Amino acid sequence: PLVAAVFAVNSGRIRERFGRVAPAVCGPLLLGLGAAFWLVATPADPDY
C-alpha cells in the first residue's frame, strides 16, 4: 500500500505524460505480474 500510495498521489503527472489509457492498462498487468512472480518464485518455507 505504501508503493500504491506513491503512484496514486502522482497519478495526475502520470496521466499528463502518458494519457489515461496506458496507466489503466499497465496497472492491471503489474497486479497480475506480482501474482505471477509468486507462482514462480515463492517457496513453502519463509523467504520474504
ModelCIF file with pLDDT and N, C-alpha, C, O atoms, coordinates in Angstrom:
data_MODEL
#
_entry.id   MODEL 
#
_entity.id                         1 
_entity.type                       polymer 
_entity.pdbx_number_of_molecules   1 
#
_entity_poly.entity_id                      1 
_entity_poly.type                           'polypeptide(L)' 
_entity_poly.nstd_linkage                   no 
_entity_poly.nstd_monomer                   no 
_entity_poly.pdbx_seq_one_letter_code       PLVAAVFAVNSGRIRERFGRVAPAVCGPLLLGLGAAFWLVATPADPDY 
_entity_poly.pdbx_seq_one_letter_code_can   PLVAAVFAVNSGRIRERFGRVAPAVCGPLLLGLGAAFWLVATPADPDY 
_entity_poly.pdbx_strand_id                 A 
#
loop_
_entity_poly_seq.entity_id 
_entity_poly_seq.num 
_entity_poly_seq.mon_id 
_entity_poly_seq.hetero 
1 1  PRO n 
1 2  LEU n 
1 3  VAL n 
1 4  ALA n 
1 5  ALA n 
1 6  VAL n 
1 7  PHE n 
1 8  ALA n 
1 9  VAL n 
1 10 ASN n 
1 11 SER n 
1 12 GLY n 
1 13 ARG n 
1 14 ILE n 
1 15 ARG n 
1 16 GLU n 
1 17 ARG n 
1 18 PHE n 
1 19 GLY n 
1 20 ARG n 
1 21 VAL n 
1 22 ALA n 
1 23 PRO n 
1 24 ALA n 
1 25 VAL n 
1 26 CYS n 
1 27 GLY n 
1 28 PRO n 
1 29 LEU n 
1 30 LEU n 
1 31 LEU n 
1 32 GLY n 
1 33 LEU n 
1 34 GLY n 
1 35 ALA n 
1 36 ALA n 
1 37 PHE n 
1 38 TRP n 
1 39 LEU n 
1 40 VAL n 
1 41 ALA n 
1 42 THR n 
1 43 PRO n 
1 44 ALA n 
1 45 ASP n 
1 46 PRO n 
1 47 ASP n 
1 48 TYR n 
#
_struct_asym.id          A 
_struct_asym.entity_id   1 
#
loop_
_ma_qa_metric.id 
_ma_qa_metric.mode 
_ma_qa_metric.name 
_ma_qa_metric.software_group_id 
_ma_qa_metric.type 
1 global pLDDT . pLDDT 
2 local  pLDDT . pLDDT 
#
_ma_qa_metric_global.metric_id      1 
_ma_qa_metric_global.metric_value   92.52 
_ma_qa_metric_global.model_id       1 
_ma_qa_metric_global.ordinal_id     1 
#
loop_
_ma_qa_metric_local.label_asym_id 
_ma_qa_metric_local.label_comp_id 
_ma_qa_metric_local.label_seq_id 
_ma_qa_metric_local.metric_id 
_ma_qa_metric_local.metric_value 
_ma_qa_metric_local.model_id 
_ma_qa_metric_local.ordinal_id 
A PRO 1  2 93.00 1 1  
A LEU 2  2 95.00 1 2  
A VAL 3  2 96.00 1 3  
A ALA 4  2 94.00 1 4  
A ALA 5  2 94.00 1 5  
A VAL 6  2 94.00 1 6  
A PHE 7  2 93.00 1 7  
A ALA 8  2 91.00 1 8  
A VAL 9  2 91.00 1 9  
A ASN 10 2 91.00 1 10 
A SER 11 2 86.00 1 11 
A GLY 12 2 83.00 1 12 
A ARG 13 2 90.00 1 13 
A ILE 14 2 90.00 1 14 
A ARG 15 2 85.00 1 15 
A GLU 16 2 87.00 1 16 
A ARG 17 2 90.00 1 17 
A PHE 18 2 88.00 1 18 
A GLY 19 2 84.00 1 19 
A ARG 20 2 83.00 1 20 
A VAL 21 2 87.00 1 21 
A ALA 22 2 90.00 1 22 
A PRO 23 2 91.00 1 23 
A ALA 24 2 91.00 1 24 
A VAL 25 2 93.00 1 25 
A CYS 26 2 94.00 1 26 
A GLY 27 2 94.00 1 27 
A PRO 28 2 95.00 1 28 
A LEU 29 2 96.00 1 29 
A LEU 30 2 97.00 1 30 
A LEU 31 2 96.00 1 31 
A GLY 32 2 97.00 1 32 
A LEU 33 2 97.00 1 33 
A GLY 34 2 97.00 1 34 
A ALA 35 2 97.00 1 35 
A ALA 36 2 97.00 1 36 
A PHE 37 2 98.00 1 37 
A TRP 38 2 97.00 1 38 
A LEU 39 2 96.00 1 39 
A VAL 40 2 96.00 1 40 
A ALA 41 2 96.00 1 41 
A THR 42 2 94.00 1 42 
A PRO 43 2 92.00 1 43 
A ALA 44 2 89.00 1 44 
A ASP 45 2 92.00 1 45 
A PRO 46 2 93.00 1 46 
A ASP 47 2 95.00 1 47 
A TYR 48 2 96.00 1 48 
#
loop_
_atom_site.group_PDB 
_atom_site.id 
_atom_site.type_symbol 
_atom_site.label_atom_id 
_atom_site.label_alt_id 
_atom_site.label_comp_id 
_atom_site.label_asym_id 
_atom_site.label_entity_id 
_atom_site.label_seq_id 
_atom_site.pdbx_PDB_ins_code 
_atom_site.Cartn_x 
_atom_site.Cartn_y 
_atom_site.Cartn_z 
_atom_site.occupancy 
_atom_site.B_iso_or_equiv 
_atom_site.pdbx_formal_charge 
_atom_site.auth_seq_id 
_atom_site.auth_comp_id 
_atom_site.auth_asym_id 
_atom_site.auth_atom_id 
_atom_site.pdbx_PDB_model_num 
ATOM 1   N N  . PRO A 1 1  ? 0.808  -1.226  0.000   1.00 93.00 ? 1  PRO A N  1 
ATOM 2   C CA . PRO A 1 1  ? 0.000  0.000   0.000   1.00 93.00 ? 1  PRO A CA 1 
ATOM 3   C C  . PRO A 1 1  ? 0.837  1.270   0.000   1.00 93.00 ? 1  PRO A C  1 
ATOM 4   O O  . PRO A 1 1  ? 0.388  2.300   -0.502  1.00 93.00 ? 1  PRO A O  1 
ATOM 5   N N  . LEU A 1 2  ? 2.050  1.218   0.555   1.00 95.00 ? 2  LEU A N  1 
ATOM 6   C CA . LEU A 1 2  ? 2.919  2.402   0.514   1.00 95.00 ? 2  LEU A CA 1 
ATOM 7   C C  . LEU A 1 2  ? 3.305  2.731   -0.931  1.00 95.00 ? 2  LEU A C  1 
ATOM 8   O O  . LEU A 1 2  ? 3.268  3.892   -1.340  1.00 95.00 ? 2  LEU A O  1 
ATOM 9   N N  . VAL A 1 3  ? 3.672  1.711   -1.694  1.00 96.00 ? 3  VAL A N  1 
ATOM 10  C CA . VAL A 1 3  ? 4.009  1.924   -3.107  1.00 96.00 ? 3  VAL A CA 1 
ATOM 11  C C  . VAL A 1 3  ? 2.775  2.375   -3.871  1.00 96.00 ? 3  VAL A C  1 
ATOM 12  O O  . VAL A 1 3  ? 2.855  3.266   -4.717  1.00 96.00 ? 3  VAL A O  1 
ATOM 13  N N  . ALA A 1 4  ? 1.631  1.762   -3.576  1.00 94.00 ? 4  ALA A N  1 
ATOM 14  C CA . ALA A 1 4  ? 0.384  2.157   -4.245  1.00 94.00 ? 4  ALA A CA 1 
ATOM 15  C C  . ALA A 1 4  ? 0.077  3.629   -3.984  1.00 94.00 ? 4  ALA A C  1 
ATOM 16  O O  . ALA A 1 4  ? -0.357 4.343   -4.888  1.00 94.00 ? 4  ALA A O  1 
ATOM 17  N N  . ALA A 1 5  ? 0.299  4.084   -2.752  1.00 94.00 ? 5  ALA A N  1 
ATOM 18  C CA . ALA A 1 5  ? 0.023  5.481   -2.418  1.00 94.00 ? 5  ALA A CA 1 
ATOM 19  C C  . ALA A 1 5  ? 0.922  6.430   -3.201  1.00 94.00 ? 5  ALA A C  1 
ATOM 20  O O  . ALA A 1 5  ? 0.474  7.486   -3.648  1.00 94.00 ? 5  ALA A O  1 
ATOM 21  N N  . VAL A 1 6  ? 2.184  6.059   -3.368  1.00 94.00 ? 6  VAL A N  1 
ATOM 22  C CA . VAL A 1 6  ? 3.110  6.906   -4.125  1.00 94.00 ? 6  VAL A CA 1 
ATOM 23  C C  . VAL A 1 6  ? 2.629  7.079   -5.562  1.00 94.00 ? 6  VAL A C  1 
ATOM 24  O O  . VAL A 1 6  ? 2.632  8.191   -6.090  1.00 94.00 ? 6  VAL A O  1 
ATOM 25  N N  . PHE A 1 7  ? 2.218  5.993   -6.189  1.00 93.00 ? 7  PHE A N  1 
ATOM 26  C CA . PHE A 1 7  ? 1.745  6.071   -7.572  1.00 93.00 ? 7  PHE A CA 1 
ATOM 27  C C  . PHE A 1 7  ? 0.399  6.788   -7.653  1.00 93.00 ? 7  PHE A C  1 
ATOM 28  O O  . PHE A 1 7  ? 0.151  7.529   -8.605  1.00 93.00 ? 7  PHE A O  1 
ATOM 29  N N  . ALA A 1 8  ? -0.468 6.575   -6.667  1.00 91.00 ? 8  ALA A N  1 
ATOM 30  C CA . ALA A 1 8  ? -1.778 7.228   -6.693  1.00 91.00 ? 8  ALA A CA 1 
ATOM 31  C C  . ALA A 1 8  ? -1.638 8.742   -6.542  1.00 91.00 ? 8  ALA A C  1 
ATOM 32  O O  . ALA A 1 8  ? -2.328 9.503   -7.219  1.00 91.00 ? 8  ALA A O  1 
ATOM 33  N N  . VAL A 1 9  ? -0.740 9.175   -5.651  1.00 91.00 ? 9  VAL A N  1 
ATOM 34  C CA . VAL A 1 9  ? -0.531 10.611  -5.443  1.00 91.00 ? 9  VAL A CA 1 
ATOM 35  C C  . VAL A 1 9  ? -0.015 11.281  -6.708  1.00 91.00 ? 9  VAL A C  1 
ATOM 36  O O  . VAL A 1 9  ? -0.324 12.441  -6.981  1.00 91.00 ? 9  VAL A O  1 
ATOM 37  N N  . ASN A 1 10 ? 0.772  10.541  -7.475  1.00 91.00 ? 10 ASN A N  1 
ATOM 38  C CA . ASN A 1 10 ? 1.349  11.097  -8.696  1.00 91.00 ? 10 ASN A CA 1 
ATOM 39  C C  . ASN A 1 10 ? 0.552  10.738  -9.947  1.00 91.00 ? 10 ASN A C  1 
ATOM 40  O O  . ASN A 1 10 ? 1.061  10.861  -11.061 1.00 91.00 ? 10 ASN A O  1 
ATOM 41  N N  . SER A 1 11 ? -0.693 10.294  -9.772  1.00 86.00 ? 11 SER A N  1 
ATOM 42  C CA . SER A 1 11 ? -1.484 9.850   -10.917 1.00 86.00 ? 11 SER A CA 1 
ATOM 43  C C  . SER A 1 11 ? -1.736 10.979  -11.907 1.00 86.00 ? 11 SER A C  1 
ATOM 44  O O  . SER A 1 11 ? -1.815 10.741  -13.112 1.00 86.00 ? 11 SER A O  1 
ATOM 45  N N  . GLY A 1 12 ? -1.864 12.209  -11.407 1.00 83.00 ? 12 GLY A N  1 
ATOM 46  C CA . GLY A 1 12 ? -2.072 13.340  -12.311 1.00 83.00 ? 12 GLY A CA 1 
ATOM 47  C C  . GLY A 1 12 ? -0.888 13.558  -13.240 1.00 83.00 ? 12 GLY A C  1 
ATOM 48  O O  . GLY A 1 12 ? -1.064 13.759  -14.441 1.00 83.00 ? 12 GLY A O  1 
ATOM 49  N N  . ARG A 1 13 ? 0.312  13.519  -12.687 1.00 90.00 ? 13 ARG A N  1 
ATOM 50  C CA . ARG A 1 13 ? 1.514  13.683  -13.502 1.00 90.00 ? 13 ARG A CA 1 
ATOM 51  C C  . ARG A 1 13 ? 1.667  12.541  -14.502 1.00 90.00 ? 13 ARG A C  1 
ATOM 52  O O  . ARG A 1 13 ? 2.056  12.747  -15.652 1.00 90.00 ? 13 ARG A O  1 
ATOM 53  N N  . ILE A 1 14 ? 1.353  11.335  -14.039 1.00 90.00 ? 14 ILE A N  1 
ATOM 54  C CA . ILE A 1 14 ? 1.460  10.177  -14.929 1.00 90.00 ? 14 ILE A CA 1 
ATOM 55  C C  . ILE A 1 14 ? 0.479  10.306  -16.084 1.00 90.00 ? 14 ILE A C  1 
ATOM 56  O O  . ILE A 1 14 ? 0.807  9.982   -17.225 1.00 90.00 ? 14 ILE A O  1 
ATOM 57  N N  . ARG A 1 15 ? -0.726 10.779  -15.786 1.00 85.00 ? 15 ARG A N  1 
ATOM 58  C CA . ARG A 1 15 ? -1.725 10.943  -16.840 1.00 85.00 ? 15 ARG A CA 1 
ATOM 59  C C  . ARG A 1 15 ? -1.293 12.010  -17.835 1.00 85.00 ? 15 ARG A C  1 
ATOM 60  O O  . ARG A 1 15 ? -1.472 11.837  -19.040 1.00 85.00 ? 15 ARG A O  1 
ATOM 61  N N  . GLU A 1 16 ? -0.727 13.107  -17.351 1.00 87.00 ? 16 GLU A N  1 
ATOM 62  C CA . GLU A 1 16 ? -0.285 14.172  -18.254 1.00 87.00 ? 16 GLU A CA 1 
ATOM 63  C C  . GLU A 1 16 ? 0.785  13.669  -19.222 1.00 87.00 ? 16 GLU A C  1 
ATOM 64  O O  . GLU A 1 16 ? 0.840  14.103  -20.373 1.00 87.00 ? 16 GLU A O  1 
ATOM 65  N N  . ARG A 1 17 ? 1.626  12.760  -18.758 1.00 90.00 ? 17 ARG A N  1 
ATOM 66  C CA . ARG A 1 17 ? 2.726  12.296  -19.602 1.00 90.00 ? 17 ARG A CA 1 
ATOM 67  C C  . ARG A 1 17 ? 2.326  11.140  -20.505 1.00 90.00 ? 17 ARG A C  1 
ATOM 68  O O  . ARG A 1 17 ? 2.757  11.077  -21.657 1.00 90.00 ? 17 ARG A O  1 
ATOM 69  N N  . PHE A 1 18 ? 1.511  10.229  -19.998 1.00 88.00 ? 18 PHE A N  1 
ATOM 70  C CA . PHE A 1 18 ? 1.216  9.001   -20.741 1.00 88.00 ? 18 PHE A CA 1 
ATOM 71  C C  . PHE A 1 18 ? -0.238 8.861   -21.167 1.00 88.00 ? 18 PHE A C  1 
ATOM 72  O O  . PHE A 1 18 ? -0.592 7.892   -21.838 1.00 88.00 ? 18 PHE A O  1 
ATOM 73  N N  . GLY A 1 19 ? -1.094 9.822   -20.786 1.00 84.00 ? 19 GLY A N  1 
ATOM 74  C CA . GLY A 1 19 ? -2.510 9.680   -21.082 1.00 84.00 ? 19 GLY A CA 1 
ATOM 75  C C  . GLY A 1 19 ? -3.202 8.843   -20.022 1.00 84.00 ? 19 GLY A C  1 
ATOM 76  O O  . GLY A 1 19 ? -2.578 8.444   -19.039 1.00 84.00 ? 19 GLY A O  1 
ATOM 77  N N  . ARG A 1 20 ? -4.478 8.577   -20.212 1.00 83.00 ? 20 ARG A N  1 
ATOM 78  C CA . ARG A 1 20 ? -5.245 7.826   -19.213 1.00 83.00 ? 20 ARG A CA 1 
ATOM 79  C C  . ARG A 1 20 ? -5.305 6.340   -19.503 1.00 83.00 ? 20 ARG A C  1 
ATOM 80  O O  . ARG A 1 20 ? -5.407 5.535   -18.578 1.00 83.00 ? 20 ARG A O  1 
ATOM 81  N N  . VAL A 1 21 ? -5.244 5.962   -20.770 1.00 87.00 ? 21 VAL A N  1 
ATOM 82  C CA . VAL A 1 21 ? -5.412 4.550   -21.110 1.00 87.00 ? 21 VAL A CA 1 
ATOM 83  C C  . VAL A 1 21 ? -4.183 3.734   -20.729 1.00 87.00 ? 21 VAL A C  1 
ATOM 84  O O  . VAL A 1 21 ? -4.314 2.644   -20.171 1.00 87.00 ? 21 VAL A O  1 
ATOM 85  N N  . ALA A 1 22 ? -2.998 4.243   -21.021 1.00 90.00 ? 22 ALA A N  1 
ATOM 86  C CA . ALA A 1 22 ? -1.773 3.477   -20.779 1.00 90.00 ? 22 ALA A CA 1 
ATOM 87  C C  . ALA A 1 22 ? -1.622 3.071   -19.311 1.00 90.00 ? 22 ALA A C  1 
ATOM 88  O O  . ALA A 1 22 ? -1.369 1.896   -19.048 1.00 90.00 ? 22 ALA A O  1 
ATOM 89  N N  . PRO A 1 23 ? -1.762 3.983   -18.339 1.00 91.00 ? 23 PRO A N  1 
ATOM 90  C CA . PRO A 1 23 ? -1.672 3.549   -16.943 1.00 91.00 ? 23 PRO A CA 1 
ATOM 91  C C  . PRO A 1 23 ? -2.765 2.571   -16.549 1.00 91.00 ? 23 PRO A C  1 
ATOM 92  O O  . PRO A 1 23 ? -2.534 1.659   -15.755 1.00 91.00 ? 23 PRO A O  1 
ATOM 93  N N  . ALA A 1 24 ? -3.977 2.764   -17.117 1.00 91.00 ? 24 ALA A N  1 
ATOM 94  C CA . ALA A 1 24 ? -5.084 1.875   -16.788 1.00 91.00 ? 24 ALA A CA 1 
ATOM 95  C C  . ALA A 1 24 ? -4.869 0.463   -17.325 1.00 91.00 ? 24 ALA A C  1 
ATOM 96  O O  . ALA A 1 24 ? -5.420 -0.496  -16.786 1.00 91.00 ? 24 ALA A O  1 
ATOM 97  N N  . VAL A 1 25 ? -4.067 0.332   -18.389 1.00 93.00 ? 25 VAL A N  1 
ATOM 98  C CA . VAL A 1 25 ? -3.728 -0.992  -18.922 1.00 93.00 ? 25 VAL A CA 1 
ATOM 99  C C  . VAL A 1 25 ? -2.528 -1.576  -18.167 1.00 93.00 ? 25 VAL A C  1 
ATOM 100 O O  . VAL A 1 25 ? -2.536 -2.748  -17.790 1.00 93.00 ? 25 VAL A O  1 
ATOM 101 N N  . CYS A 1 26 ? -1.517 -0.764  -17.954 1.00 94.00 ? 26 CYS A N  1 
ATOM 102 C CA . CYS A 1 26 ? -0.299 -1.241  -17.286 1.00 94.00 ? 26 CYS A CA 1 
ATOM 103 C C  . CYS A 1 26 ? -0.571 -1.635  -15.836 1.00 94.00 ? 26 CYS A C  1 
ATOM 104 O O  . CYS A 1 26 ? 0.026  -2.586  -15.329 1.00 94.00 ? 26 CYS A O  1 
ATOM 105 N N  . GLY A 1 27 ? -1.478 -0.902  -15.159 1.00 94.00 ? 27 GLY A N  1 
ATOM 106 C CA . GLY A 1 27 ? -1.757 -1.196  -13.765 1.00 94.00 ? 27 GLY A CA 1 
ATOM 107 C C  . GLY A 1 27 ? -2.220 -2.627  -13.529 1.00 94.00 ? 27 GLY A C  1 
ATOM 108 O O  . GLY A 1 27 ? -1.600 -3.327  -12.729 1.00 94.00 ? 27 GLY A O  1 
ATOM 109 N N  . PRO A 1 28 ? -3.282 -3.099  -14.188 1.00 95.00 ? 28 PRO A N  1 
ATOM 110 C CA . PRO A 1 28 ? -3.700 -4.495  -14.001 1.00 95.00 ? 28 PRO A CA 1 
ATOM 111 C C  . PRO A 1 28 ? -2.627 -5.499  -14.417 1.00 95.00 ? 28 PRO A C  1 
ATOM 112 O O  . PRO A 1 28 ? -2.491 -6.555  -13.799 1.00 95.00 ? 28 PRO A O  1 
ATOM 113 N N  . LEU A 1 29 ? -1.867 -5.171  -15.463 1.00 96.00 ? 29 LEU A N  1 
ATOM 114 C CA . LEU A 1 29 ? -0.797 -6.087  -15.872 1.00 96.00 ? 29 LEU A CA 1 
ATOM 115 C C  . LEU A 1 29 ? 0.241  -6.244  -14.767 1.00 96.00 ? 29 LEU A C  1 
ATOM 116 O O  . LEU A 1 29 ? 0.738  -7.344  -14.528 1.00 96.00 ? 29 LEU A O  1 
ATOM 117 N N  . LEU A 1 30 ? 0.570  -5.135  -14.090 1.00 97.00 ? 30 LEU A N  1 
ATOM 118 C CA . LEU A 1 30 ? 1.517  -5.219  -12.976 1.00 97.00 ? 30 LEU A CA 1 
ATOM 119 C C  . LEU A 1 30 ? 0.904  -5.975  -11.797 1.00 97.00 ? 30 LEU A C  1 
ATOM 120 O O  . LEU A 1 30 ? 1.599  -6.725  -11.111 1.00 97.00 ? 30 LEU A O  1 
ATOM 121 N N  . LEU A 1 31 ? -0.391 -5.781  -11.562 1.00 96.00 ? 31 LEU A N  1 
ATOM 122 C CA . LEU A 1 31 ? -1.071 -6.518  -10.498 1.00 96.00 ? 31 LEU A CA 1 
ATOM 123 C C  . LEU A 1 31 ? -1.002 -8.020  -10.752 1.00 96.00 ? 31 LEU A C  1 
ATOM 124 O O  . LEU A 1 31 ? -0.769 -8.807  -9.834  1.00 96.00 ? 31 LEU A O  1 
ATOM 125 N N  . GLY A 1 32 ? -1.206 -8.405  -12.008 1.00 97.00 ? 32 GLY A N  1 
ATOM 126 C CA . GLY A 1 32 ? -1.090 -9.819  -12.359 1.00 97.00 ? 32 GLY A CA 1 
ATOM 127 C C  . GLY A 1 32 ? 0.335  -10.305 -12.340 1.00 97.00 ? 32 GLY A C  1 
ATOM 128 O O  . GLY A 1 32 ? 0.594  -11.458 -11.996 1.00 97.00 ? 32 GLY A O  1 
ATOM 129 N N  . LEU A 1 33 ? 1.280  -9.432  -12.711 1.00 97.00 ? 33 LEU A N  1 
ATOM 130 C CA . LEU A 1 33 ? 2.692  -9.815  -12.722 1.00 97.00 ? 33 LEU A CA 1 
ATOM 131 C C  . LEU A 1 33 ? 3.183  -10.134 -11.316 1.00 97.00 ? 33 LEU A C  1 
ATOM 132 O O  . LEU A 1 33 ? 3.992  -11.042 -11.126 1.00 97.00 ? 33 LEU A O  1 
ATOM 133 N N  . GLY A 1 34 ? 2.689  -9.379  -10.326 1.00 97.00 ? 34 GLY A N  1 
ATOM 134 C CA . GLY A 1 34 ? 3.062  -9.684  -8.945  1.00 97.00 ? 34 GLY A CA 1 
ATOM 135 C C  . GLY A 1 34 ? 2.668  -11.092 -8.562  1.00 97.00 ? 34 GLY A C  1 
ATOM 136 O O  . GLY A 1 34 ? 3.461  -11.817 -7.960  1.00 97.00 ? 34 GLY A O  1 
ATOM 137 N N  . ALA A 1 35 ? 1.440  -11.497 -8.906  1.00 97.00 ? 35 ALA A N  1 
ATOM 138 C CA . ALA A 1 35 ? 0.984  -12.854 -8.606  1.00 97.00 ? 35 ALA A CA 1 
ATOM 139 C C  . ALA A 1 35 ? 1.769  -13.892 -9.403  1.00 97.00 ? 35 ALA A C  1 
ATOM 140 O O  . ALA A 1 35 ? 2.072  -14.971 -8.893  1.00 97.00 ? 35 ALA A O  1 
ATOM 141 N N  . ALA A 1 36 ? 2.100  -13.566 -10.654 1.00 97.00 ? 36 ALA A N  1 
ATOM 142 C CA . ALA A 1 36 ? 2.887  -14.498 -11.465 1.00 97.00 ? 36 ALA A CA 1 
ATOM 143 C C  . ALA A 1 36 ? 4.267  -14.725 -10.844 1.00 97.00 ? 36 ALA A C  1 
ATOM 144 O O  . ALA A 1 36 ? 4.800  -15.833 -10.878 1.00 97.00 ? 36 ALA A O  1 
ATOM 145 N N  . PHE A 1 37 ? 4.834  -13.660 -10.279 1.00 98.00 ? 37 PHE A N  1 
ATOM 146 C CA . PHE A 1 37 ? 6.122  -13.802 -9.583  1.00 98.00 ? 37 PHE A CA 1 
ATOM 147 C C  . PHE A 1 37 ? 5.999  -14.790 -8.430  1.00 98.00 ? 37 PHE A C  1 
ATOM 148 O O  . PHE A 1 37 ? 6.862  -15.650 -8.257  1.00 98.00 ? 37 PHE A O  1 
ATOM 149 N N  . TRP A 1 38 ? 4.926  -14.674 -7.636  1.00 97.00 ? 38 TRP A N  1 
ATOM 150 C CA . TRP A 1 38 ? 4.760  -15.591 -6.510  1.00 97.00 ? 38 TRP A CA 1 
ATOM 151 C C  . TRP A 1 38 ? 4.563  -17.025 -6.982  1.00 97.00 ? 38 TRP A C  1 
ATOM 152 O O  . TRP A 1 38 ? 5.049  -17.961 -6.348  1.00 97.00 ? 38 TRP A O  1 
ATOM 153 N N  . LEU A 1 39 ? 3.855  -17.200 -8.091  1.00 96.00 ? 39 LEU A N  1 
ATOM 154 C CA . LEU A 1 39 ? 3.661  -18.554 -8.612  1.00 96.00 ? 39 LEU A CA 1 
ATOM 155 C C  . LEU A 1 39 ? 4.984  -19.213 -8.967  1.00 96.00 ? 39 LEU A C  1 
ATOM 156 O O  . LEU A 1 39 ? 5.165  -20.415 -8.773  1.00 96.00 ? 39 LEU A O  1 
ATOM 157 N N  . VAL A 1 40 ? 5.906  -18.411 -9.488  1.00 96.00 ? 40 VAL A N  1 
ATOM 158 C CA . VAL A 1 40 ? 7.187  -18.952 -9.937  1.00 96.00 ? 40 VAL A CA 1 
ATOM 159 C C  . VAL A 1 40 ? 8.214  -19.021 -8.810  1.00 96.00 ? 40 VAL A C  1 
ATOM 160 O O  . VAL A 1 40 ? 8.980  -19.981 -8.724  1.00 96.00 ? 40 VAL A O  1 
ATOM 161 N N  . ALA A 1 41 ? 8.233  -18.002 -7.941  1.00 96.00 ? 41 ALA A N  1 
ATOM 162 C CA . ALA A 1 41 ? 9.368  -17.840 -7.030  1.00 96.00 ? 41 ALA A CA 1 
ATOM 163 C C  . ALA A 1 41 ? 9.098  -18.201 -5.579  1.00 96.00 ? 41 ALA A C  1 
ATOM 164 O O  . ALA A 1 41 ? 10.035 -18.545 -4.858  1.00 96.00 ? 41 ALA A O  1 
ATOM 165 N N  . THR A 1 42 ? 7.848  -18.136 -5.123  1.00 94.00 ? 42 THR A N  1 
ATOM 166 C CA . THR A 1 42 ? 7.589  -18.244 -3.689  1.00 94.00 ? 42 THR A CA 1 
ATOM 167 C C  . THR A 1 42 ? 7.591  -19.694 -3.229  1.00 94.00 ? 42 THR A C  1 
ATOM 168 O O  . THR A 1 42 ? 6.841  -20.512 -3.762  1.00 94.00 ? 42 THR A O  1 
ATOM 169 N N  . PRO A 1 43 ? 8.431  -20.023 -2.239  1.00 92.00 ? 43 PRO A N  1 
ATOM 170 C CA . PRO A 1 43 ? 8.504  -21.391 -1.721  1.00 92.00 ? 43 PRO A CA 1 
ATOM 171 C C  . PRO A 1 43 ? 7.560  -21.618 -0.553  1.00 92.00 ? 43 PRO A C  1 
ATOM 172 O O  . PRO A 1 43 ? 6.923  -20.684 -0.066  1.00 92.00 ? 43 PRO A O  1 
ATOM 173 N N  . ALA A 1 44 ? 7.474  -22.844 -0.114  1.00 89.00 ? 44 ALA A N  1 
ATOM 174 C CA . ALA A 1 44 ? 6.642  -23.173 1.040   1.00 89.00 ? 44 ALA A CA 1 
ATOM 175 C C  . ALA A 1 44 ? 7.262  -22.670 2.335   1.00 89.00 ? 44 ALA A C  1 
ATOM 176 O O  . ALA A 1 44 ? 6.544  -22.382 3.293   1.00 89.00 ? 44 ALA A O  1 
ATOM 177 N N  . ASP A 1 45 ? 8.587  -22.561 2.376   1.00 92.00 ? 45 ASP A N  1 
ATOM 178 C CA . ASP A 1 45 ? 9.278  -22.065 3.565   1.00 92.00 ? 45 ASP A CA 1 
ATOM 179 C C  . ASP A 1 45 ? 9.493  -20.562 3.450   1.00 92.00 ? 45 ASP A C  1 
ATOM 180 O O  . ASP A 1 45 ? 9.661  -20.050 2.343   1.00 92.00 ? 45 ASP A O  1 
ATOM 181 N N  . PRO A 1 46 ? 9.492  -19.842 4.575   1.00 93.00 ? 46 PRO A N  1 
ATOM 182 C CA . PRO A 1 46 ? 9.602  -18.385 4.526   1.00 93.00 ? 46 PRO A CA 1 
ATOM 183 C C  . PRO A 1 46 ? 10.876 -17.890 3.850   1.00 93.00 ? 46 PRO A C  1 
ATOM 184 O O  . PRO A 1 46 ? 11.980 -18.329 4.172   1.00 93.00 ? 46 PRO A O  1 
ATOM 185 N N  . ASP A 1 47 ? 10.703 -16.978 2.920   1.00 95.00 ? 47 ASP A N  1 
ATOM 186 C CA . ASP A 1 47 ? 11.820 -16.288 2.258   1.00 95.00 ? 47 ASP A CA 1 
ATOM 187 C C  . ASP A 1 47 ? 11.252 -14.977 1.722   1.00 95.00 ? 47 ASP A C  1 
ATOM 188 O O  . ASP A 1 47 ? 11.039 -14.824 0.519   1.00 95.00 ? 47 ASP A O  1 
ATOM 189 N N  . TYR A 1 48 ? 11.013 -14.046 2.622   1.00 96.00 ? 48 TYR A N  1 
ATOM 190 C CA . TYR A 1 48 ? 10.220 -12.863 2.315   1.00 96.00 ? 48 TYR A CA 1 
ATOM 191 C C  . TYR A 1 48 ? 10.920 -11.892 1.379   1.00 96.00 ? 48 TYR A C  1 
ATOM 192 O O  . TYR A 1 48 ? 10.360 -10.849 1.038   1.00 96.00 ? 48 TYR A O  1 
#
